[in-house]
Amino acid sequence: MTAQTDCRRVVTNIALSLDGRYAAPDNPLDMSWVMPYAVTGVARDHLTGLWEPTTTALLGRVNAEGFLGFWPTVIGMEGADPRDEGFARWLVDTDKVVLSSTLGEAPWERTTVVDKPAAEVVADLRATEGGDILVLSSASVIKALLAADQVDRLALTVFPVFLGGGPRLFDDGLPAAKWSLTTQKAGEHGTLSLVYDRVRRPHTAAAGA
């Protein structure tokens, strides 16, 4: 699926605890709190609905290493959920942009490494043809794009657990913005899928002003 050059949406997706955290306080890389909920039907359907219209994945280095180290192994895995395998195949085949100041060359196919601010990278991508630009769970990238008001669709899966500490996604000082709830679904174990679209005046949609 493609869109007009000036209409490429920037879509961000991340999992949050009920108290608004995206990582545990003691070990930000430990995502074990996510796993019981990430394999629910509503979470899998949520991710499928995001990647299907997407032609560019945008990731930070840490998430790129995690995603691209794991997901290709799902392809052909015995007993794999078809939705997981579909996402894995898409991730391997789609164009990927990784933001990093330390990674010299990309060890993954169809991947470009860029050492520029996230908002500048998004502006460059918006100037090209393609479908949605999906930011996959990279909190630092999402934070930067929210601060620059460059997010068109905010997708969240909320899991019913308090982490009691750790980094929050929504920092103080974000630009005032109005959002429209596009979809909401509840699933197993209290998993909640939410998708919000940024409400903008028509002439500012592409610029993000």
C-alpha atoms as a PDB file:
ATOM      1  CA  MET A   1       0.000   0.000   0.000  1.00  0.00           C
ATOM      2  CA  THR A   2       1.353   3.406  -0.910  1.00  0.00           C
ATOM      3  CA  ALA A   3       0.371   6.969  -0.241  1.00  0.00           C
ATOM      4  CA  GLN A   4       0.926  10.273  -1.939  1.00  0.00           C
ATOM      5  CA  THR A   5       4.342  11.768  -1.330  1.00  0.00           C
ATOM      6  CA  ASP A   6       3.003  14.519   0.916  1.00  0.00           C
ATOM      7  CA  CYS A   7       0.750  12.179   2.888  1.00  0.00           C
ATOM      8  CA  ARG A   8       3.129   9.627   4.368  1.00  0.00           C
ATOM      9  CA  ARG A   9       2.006   9.102   7.938  1.00  0.00           C
ATOM     10  CA  VAL A  10       4.416   8.723  10.805  1.00  0.00           C
ATOM     11  CA  VAL A  11       3.040   5.974  13.032  1.00  0.00           C
ATOM     12  CA  THR A  12       4.589   5.153  16.397  1.00  0.00           C
ATOM     13  CA  ASN A  13       3.937   1.968  18.336  1.00  0.00           C
ATOM     14  CA  ILE A  14       4.961   1.079  21.872  1.00  0.00           C
ATOM     15  CA  ALA A  15       3.788  -0.993  24.829  1.00  0.00           C
ATOM     16  CA  LEU A  16       3.060   0.787  28.107  1.00  0.00           C
ATOM     17  CA  SER A  17       2.352  -0.356  31.620  1.00  0.00           C
ATOM     18  CA  LEU A  18      -0.802   0.900  33.278  1.00  0.00           C
ATOM     19  CA  ASP A  19       1.263   3.465  35.176  1.00  0.00           C
ATOM     20  CA  GLY A  20       2.658   4.863  31.927  1.00  0.00           C
ATOM     21  CA  ARG A  21       6.112   3.258  31.797  1.00  0.00           C
ATOM     22  CA  TYR A  22       7.752   1.638  28.793  1.00  0.00           C
ATOM     23  CA  ALA A  23      10.560  -0.056  30.716  1.00  0.00           C
ATOM     24  CA  ALA A  24      11.199  -1.407  34.187  1.00  0.00           C
ATOM     25  CA  PRO A  25      13.251   0.752  36.585  1.00  0.00           C
ATOM     26  CA  ASP A  26      16.005  -1.753  37.343  1.00  0.00           C
ATOM     27  CA  ASN A  27      16.712  -3.072  33.837  1.00  0.00           C
ATOM     28  CA  PRO A  28      15.336  -1.153  30.843  1.00  0.00           C
ATOM     29  CA  LEU A  29      16.224  -4.038  28.519  1.00  0.00           C
ATOM     30  CA  ASP A  30      14.180  -6.572  30.500  1.00  0.00           C
ATOM     31  CA  MET A  31      10.868  -6.872  28.695  1.00  0.00           C
ATOM     32  CA  SER A  32       9.650  -9.970  30.513  1.00  0.00           C
ATOM     33  CA  TRP A  33       6.732  -7.944  31.886  1.00  0.00           C
ATOM     34  CA  VAL A  34       5.493  -7.503  28.303  1.00  0.00           C
ATOM     35  CA  MET A  35       5.551 -11.127  27.190  1.00  0.00           C
ATOM     36  CA  PRO A  36       2.338 -12.482  28.802  1.00  0.00           C
ATOM     37  CA  TYR A  37       0.387  -9.740  27.042  1.00  0.00           C
ATOM     38  CA  ALA A  38       2.272  -9.361  23.745  1.00  0.00           C
ATOM     39  CA  VAL A  39       1.188 -12.835  22.622  1.00  0.00           C
ATOM     40  CA  THR A  40      -2.521 -12.141  23.052  1.00  0.00           C
ATOM     41  CA  GLY A  41      -4.770 -11.968  20.031  1.00  0.00           C
ATOM     42  CA  VAL A  42      -5.521  -8.289  20.469  1.00  0.00           C
ATOM     43  CA  ALA A  43      -1.808  -7.400  20.630  1.00  0.00           C
ATOM     44  CA  ARG A  44      -0.999  -9.474  17.554  1.00  0.00           C
ATOM     45  CA  ASP A  45      -3.919  -8.017  15.594  1.00  0.00           C
ATOM     46  CA  HIS A  46      -2.880  -4.530  16.704  1.00  0.00           C
ATOM     47  CA  LEU A  47       0.631  -4.951  15.275  1.00  0.00           C
ATOM     48  CA  THR A  48      -0.679  -6.528  12.071  1.00  0.00           C
ATOM     49  CA  GLY A  49      -2.917  -3.547  11.449  1.00  0.00           C
ATOM     50  CA  LEU A  50       0.084  -1.252  11.800  1.00  0.00           C
ATOM     51  CA  TRP A  51       2.640  -2.976   9.596  1.00  0.00           C
ATOM     52  CA  GLU A  52       0.350  -3.874   6.693  1.00  0.00           C
ATOM     53  CA  PRO A  53       0.144  -0.281   5.303  1.00  0.00           C
ATOM     54  CA  THR A  54       3.797   0.436   6.142  1.00  0.00           C
ATOM     55  CA  THR A  55       6.706   0.548   3.693  1.00  0.00           C
ATOM     56  CA  THR A  56       9.426   1.941   5.997  1.00  0.00           C
ATOM     57  CA  ALA A  57      10.378   0.819   9.493  1.00  0.00           C
ATOM     58  CA  LEU A  58      12.191   3.375  11.649  1.00  0.00           C
ATOM     59  CA  LEU A  59      14.157   2.132  14.668  1.00  0.00           C
ATOM     60  CA  GLY A  60      16.805   3.181  17.130  1.00  0.00           C
ATOM     61  CA  ARG A  61      19.962   1.065  17.272  1.00  0.00           C
ATOM     62  CA  VAL A  62      19.090  -0.894  20.431  1.00  0.00           C
ATOM     63  CA  ASN A  63      15.654  -1.851  19.171  1.00  0.00           C
ATOM     64  CA  ALA A  64      17.015  -2.658  15.734  1.00  0.00           C
ATOM     65  CA  GLU A  65      19.473  -5.113  17.257  1.00  0.00           C
ATOM     66  CA  GLY A  66      16.714  -6.686  19.332  1.00  0.00           C
ATOM     67  CA  PHE A  67      14.047  -6.851  16.634  1.00  0.00           C
ATOM     68  CA  LEU A  68      16.326  -7.933  13.813  1.00  0.00           C
ATOM     69  CA  GLY A  69      18.150 -10.406  15.981  1.00  0.00           C
ATOM     70  CA  PHE A  70      14.949 -12.182  16.987  1.00  0.00           C
ATOM     71  CA  TRP A  71      12.185 -11.813  14.435  1.00  0.00           C
ATOM     72  CA  PRO A  72      13.872 -13.442  11.412  1.00  0.00           C
ATOM     73  CA  THR A  73      14.163 -16.624  13.500  1.00  0.00           C
ATOM     74  CA  VAL A  74      10.356 -16.800  13.678  1.00  0.00           C
ATOM     75  CA  ILE A  75      10.077 -17.397   9.924  1.00  0.00           C
ATOM     76  CA  GLY A  76       9.410 -21.099   9.452  1.00  0.00           C
ATOM     77  CA  MET A  77       9.419 -21.748  13.203  1.00  0.00           C
ATOM     78  CA  GLU A  78       7.273 -24.739  14.130  1.00  0.00           C
ATOM     79  CA  GLY A  79       4.040 -23.630  15.784  1.00  0.00           C
ATOM     80  CA  ALA A  80       4.580 -19.945  15.068  1.00  0.00           C
ATOM     81  CA  ASP A  81       1.430 -17.844  14.990  1.00  0.00           C
ATOM     82  CA  PRO A  82       0.764 -16.781  11.368  1.00  0.00           C
ATOM     83  CA  ARG A  83       0.525 -13.152  12.489  1.00  0.00           C
ATOM     84  CA  ASP A  84       3.978 -13.349  14.074  1.00  0.00           C
ATOM     85  CA  GLU A  85       5.429 -14.945  10.961  1.00  0.00           C
ATOM     86  CA  GLY A  86       3.752 -12.336   8.783  1.00  0.00           C
ATOM     87  CA  PHE A  87       5.314  -9.542  10.802  1.00  0.00           C
ATOM     88  CA  ALA A  88       8.711 -11.271  10.689  1.00  0.00           C
ATOM     89  CA  ARG A  89       8.621 -11.613   6.902  1.00  0.00           C
ATOM     90  CA  TRP A  90       7.545  -7.997   6.521  1.00  0.00           C
ATOM     91  CA  LEU A  91      10.331  -6.793   8.811  1.00  0.00           C
ATOM     92  CA  VAL A  92      12.968  -8.657   6.807  1.00  0.00           C
ATOM     93  CA  ASP A  93      11.624  -7.502   3.430  1.00  0.00           C
ATOM     94  CA  THR A  94      10.713  -3.874   4.148  1.00  0.00           C
ATOM     95  CA  ASP A  95      13.011  -0.863   3.984  1.00  0.00           C
ATOM     96  CA  LYS A  96      14.486  -0.087   7.394  1.00  0.00           C
ATOM     97  CA  VAL A  97      16.097   3.097   8.685  1.00  0.00           C
ATOM     98  CA  VAL A  98      18.141   2.830  11.875  1.00  0.00           C
ATOM     99  CA  LEU A  99      19.086   5.952  13.805  1.00  0.00           C
ATOM    100  CA  SER A 100      22.531   5.585  15.328  1.00  0.00           C
ATOM    101  CA  SER A 101      25.634   7.640  16.011  1.00  0.00           C
ATOM    102  CA  THR A 102      27.735   4.550  16.755  1.00  0.00           C
ATOM    103  CA  LEU A 103      26.738   1.960  14.153  1.00  0.00           C
ATOM    104  CA  GLY A 104      28.957   2.231  11.102  1.00  0.00           C
ATOM    105  CA  GLU A 105      27.358  -0.228   8.712  1.00  0.00           C
ATOM    106  CA  ALA A 106      24.059  -2.058   8.913  1.00  0.00           C
ATOM    107  CA  PRO A 107      24.434  -5.823   9.354  1.00  0.00           C
ATOM    108  CA  TRP A 108      20.887  -6.300   8.040  1.00  0.00           C
ATOM    109  CA  GLU A 109      19.504  -6.304   4.513  1.00  0.00           C
ATOM    110  CA  ARG A 110      17.450  -3.380   3.186  1.00  0.00           C
ATOM    111  CA  THR A 111      18.712  -1.185   6.043  1.00  0.00           C
ATOM    112  CA  THR A 112      20.128   2.338   6.052  1.00  0.00           C
ATOM    113  CA  VAL A 113      21.953   3.739   9.075  1.00  0.00           C
ATOM    114  CA  VAL A 114      21.477   7.474   9.607  1.00  0.00           C
ATOM    115  CA  ASP A 115      23.149   9.737  12.171  1.00  0.00           C
ATOM    116  CA  LYS A 116      20.673  12.621  12.187  1.00  0.00           C
ATOM    117  CA  PRO A 117      17.902  13.864  14.507  1.00  0.00           C
ATOM    118  CA  ALA A 118      14.705  11.853  14.209  1.00  0.00           C
ATOM    119  CA  ALA A 119      12.637  14.821  13.024  1.00  0.00           C
ATOM    120  CA  GLU A 120      15.064  15.482  10.160  1.00  0.00           C
ATOM    121  CA  VAL A 121      15.014  11.840   9.113  1.00  0.00           C
ATOM    122  CA  VAL A 122      11.212  11.852   9.095  1.00  0.00           C
ATOM    123  CA  ALA A 123      11.157  15.021   7.006  1.00  0.00           C
ATOM    124  CA  ASP A 124      13.437  13.345   4.466  1.00  0.00           C
ATOM    125  CA  LEU A 125      11.243  10.221   4.396  1.00  0.00           C
ATOM    126  CA  ARG A 126       8.074  12.272   3.968  1.00  0.00           C
ATOM    127  CA  ALA A 127       9.620  13.730   0.813  1.00  0.00           C
ATOM    128  CA  THR A 128       9.790  10.274  -0.768  1.00  0.00           C
ATOM    129  CA  GLU A 129       7.050   8.028  -2.088  1.00  0.00           C
ATOM    130  CA  GLY A 130       5.726   5.202   0.006  1.00  0.00           C
ATOM    131  CA  GLY A 131       3.276   4.097   2.645  1.00  0.00           C
ATOM    132  CA  ASP A 132       3.367   4.655   6.375  1.00  0.00           C
ATOM    133  CA  ILE A 133       6.589   5.157   8.317  1.00  0.00           C
ATOM    134  CA  LEU A 134       6.364   2.942  11.405  1.00  0.00           C
ATOM    135  CA  VAL A 135       8.495   3.553  14.491  1.00  0.00           C
ATOM    136  CA  LEU A 136       8.794   0.202  16.220  1.00  0.00           C
ATOM    137  CA  SER A 137       8.929   0.578  19.997  1.00  0.00           C
ATOM    138  CA  SER A 138      12.011   2.834  19.977  1.00  0.00           C
ATOM    139  CA  ALA A 139      11.171   5.121  22.891  1.00  0.00           C
ATOM    140  CA  SER A 140      13.939   7.654  22.262  1.00  0.00           C
ATOM    141  CA  VAL A 141      12.811   8.096  18.661  1.00  0.00           C
ATOM    142  CA  ILE A 142       9.140   8.331  19.620  1.00  0.00           C
ATOM    143  CA  LYS A 143       9.916  10.898  22.322  1.00  0.00           C
ATOM    144  CA  ALA A 144      11.861  13.041  19.868  1.00  0.00           C
ATOM    145  CA  LEU A 145       9.074  12.901  17.279  1.00  0.00           C
ATOM    146  CA  LEU A 146       6.398  13.726  19.848  1.00  0.00           C
ATOM    147  CA  ALA A 147       8.454  16.710  20.998  1.00  0.00           C
ATOM    148  CA  ALA A 148       8.692  17.874  17.376  1.00  0.00           C
ATOM    149  CA  ASP A 149       4.963  17.204  16.782  1.00  0.00           C
ATOM    150  CA  GLN A 150       5.823  14.844  13.947  1.00  0.00           C
ATOM    151  CA  VAL A 151       3.634  11.893  14.965  1.00  0.00           C
ATOM    152  CA  ASP A 152       0.476  11.400  12.913  1.00  0.00           C
ATOM    153  CA  ARG A 153      -0.739   8.165  14.491  1.00  0.00           C
ATOM    154  CA  LEU A 154      -0.004   7.104  18.061  1.00  0.00           C
ATOM    155  CA  ALA A 155      -0.507   3.382  18.644  1.00  0.00           C
ATOM    156  CA  LEU A 156      -0.328   1.941  22.147  1.00  0.00           C
ATOM    157  CA  THR A 157      -0.828  -1.412  23.770  1.00  0.00           C
ATOM    158  CA  VAL A 158      -1.509  -0.954  27.458  1.00  0.00           C
ATOM    159  CA  PHE A 159      -0.824  -3.876  29.760  1.00  0.00           C
ATOM    160  CA  PRO A 160      -2.471  -4.145  33.213  1.00  0.00           C
ATOM    161  CA  VAL A 161       0.663  -4.024  35.322  1.00  0.00           C
ATOM    162  CA  PHE A 162       2.271  -1.322  37.457  1.00  0.00           C
ATOM    163  CA  LEU A 163       6.051  -1.167  37.058  1.00  0.00           C
ATOM    164  CA  GLY A 164       6.304   1.275  39.955  1.00  0.00           C
ATOM    165  CA  GLY A 165       9.117   3.215  38.320  1.00  0.00           C
ATOM    166  CA  GLY A 166      11.140   3.491  35.170  1.00  0.00           C
ATOM    167  CA  PRO A 167      11.019   5.896  32.223  1.00  0.00           C
ATOM    168  CA  ARG A 168       7.758   7.405  31.030  1.00  0.00           C
ATOM    169  CA  LEU A 169       6.855   7.914  27.399  1.00  0.00           C
ATOM    170  CA  PHE A 170       5.131  11.272  27.789  1.00  0.00           C
ATOM    171  CA  ASP A 171       7.480  13.892  29.170  1.00  0.00           C
ATOM    172  CA  ASP A 172       6.443  17.279  30.502  1.00  0.00           C
ATOM    173  CA  GLY A 173       6.683  20.087  27.983  1.00  0.00           C
ATOM    174  CA  LEU A 174       5.272  18.286  24.955  1.00  0.00           C
ATOM    175  CA  PRO A 175       3.528  20.617  22.492  1.00  0.00           C
ATOM    176  CA  ALA A 176      -0.194  20.914  23.093  1.00  0.00           C
ATOM    177  CA  ALA A 177      -2.051  18.622  20.718  1.00  0.00           C
ATOM    178  CA  LYS A 178      -5.475  17.163  20.106  1.00  0.00           C
ATOM    179  CA  TRP A 179      -5.878  13.471  19.288  1.00  0.00           C
ATOM    180  CA  SER A 180      -8.812  11.451  17.970  1.00  0.00           C
ATOM    181  CA  LEU A 181      -9.354   7.874  19.160  1.00  0.00           C
ATOM    182  CA  THR A 182      -9.459   5.773  15.974  1.00  0.00           C
ATOM    183  CA  THR A 183      -9.684   2.246  17.367  1.00  0.00           C
ATOM    184  CA  GLN A 184      -9.878   0.633  20.776  1.00  0.00           C
ATOM    185  CA  LYS A 185      -9.916  -3.080  21.547  1.00  0.00           C
ATOM    186  CA  ALA A 186      -9.702  -5.043  24.769  1.00  0.00           C
ATOM    187  CA  GLY A 187      -8.402  -8.574  24.915  1.00  0.00           C
ATOM    188  CA  GLU A 188      -7.073 -11.399  27.042  1.00  0.00           C
ATOM    189  CA  HIS A 189      -5.547 -10.618  30.424  1.00  0.00           C
ATOM    190  CA  GLY A 190      -6.813  -7.052  30.219  1.00  0.00           C
ATOM    191  CA  THR A 191      -4.669  -6.105  27.237  1.00  0.00           C
ATOM    192  CA  LEU A 192      -5.840  -2.857  25.656  1.00  0.00           C
ATOM    193  CA  SER A 193      -5.074  -1.710  22.113  1.00  0.00           C
ATOM    194  CA  LEU A 194      -5.454   2.007  21.397  1.00  0.00           C
ATOM    195  CA  VAL A 195      -4.830   3.976  18.218  1.00  0.00           C
ATOM    196  CA  TYR A 196      -5.001   7.774  18.170  1.00  0.00           C
ATOM    197  CA  ASP A 197      -4.712  10.082  15.150  1.00  0.00           C
ATOM    198  CA  ARG A 198      -3.309  13.579  15.469  1.00  0.00           C
ATOM    199  CA  VAL A 199      -5.952  16.180  14.670  1.00  0.00           C
ATOM    200  CA  ARG A 200      -4.420  18.844  12.447  1.00  0.00           C
ATOM    201  CA  ARG A 201      -5.580  21.605  10.173  1.00  0.00           C
ATOM    202  CA  PRO A 202      -5.412  20.295   6.588  1.00  0.00           C
ATOM    203  CA  HIS A 203      -2.629  22.633   5.449  1.00  0.00           C
ATOM    204  CA  THR A 204      -0.336  21.629   8.324  1.00  0.00           C
ATOM    205  CA  ALA A 205      -0.679  17.845   7.994  1.00  0.00           C
ATOM    206  CA  ALA A 206       2.481  17.302   5.985  1.00  0.00           C
ATOM    207  CA  ALA A 207       4.614  19.838   7.809  1.00  0.00           C
ATOM    208  CA  GLY A 208       3.611  18.711  11.279  1.00  0.00           C
ATOM    209  CA  ALA A 209       3.177  22.299  12.389  1.00  0.00           C
END
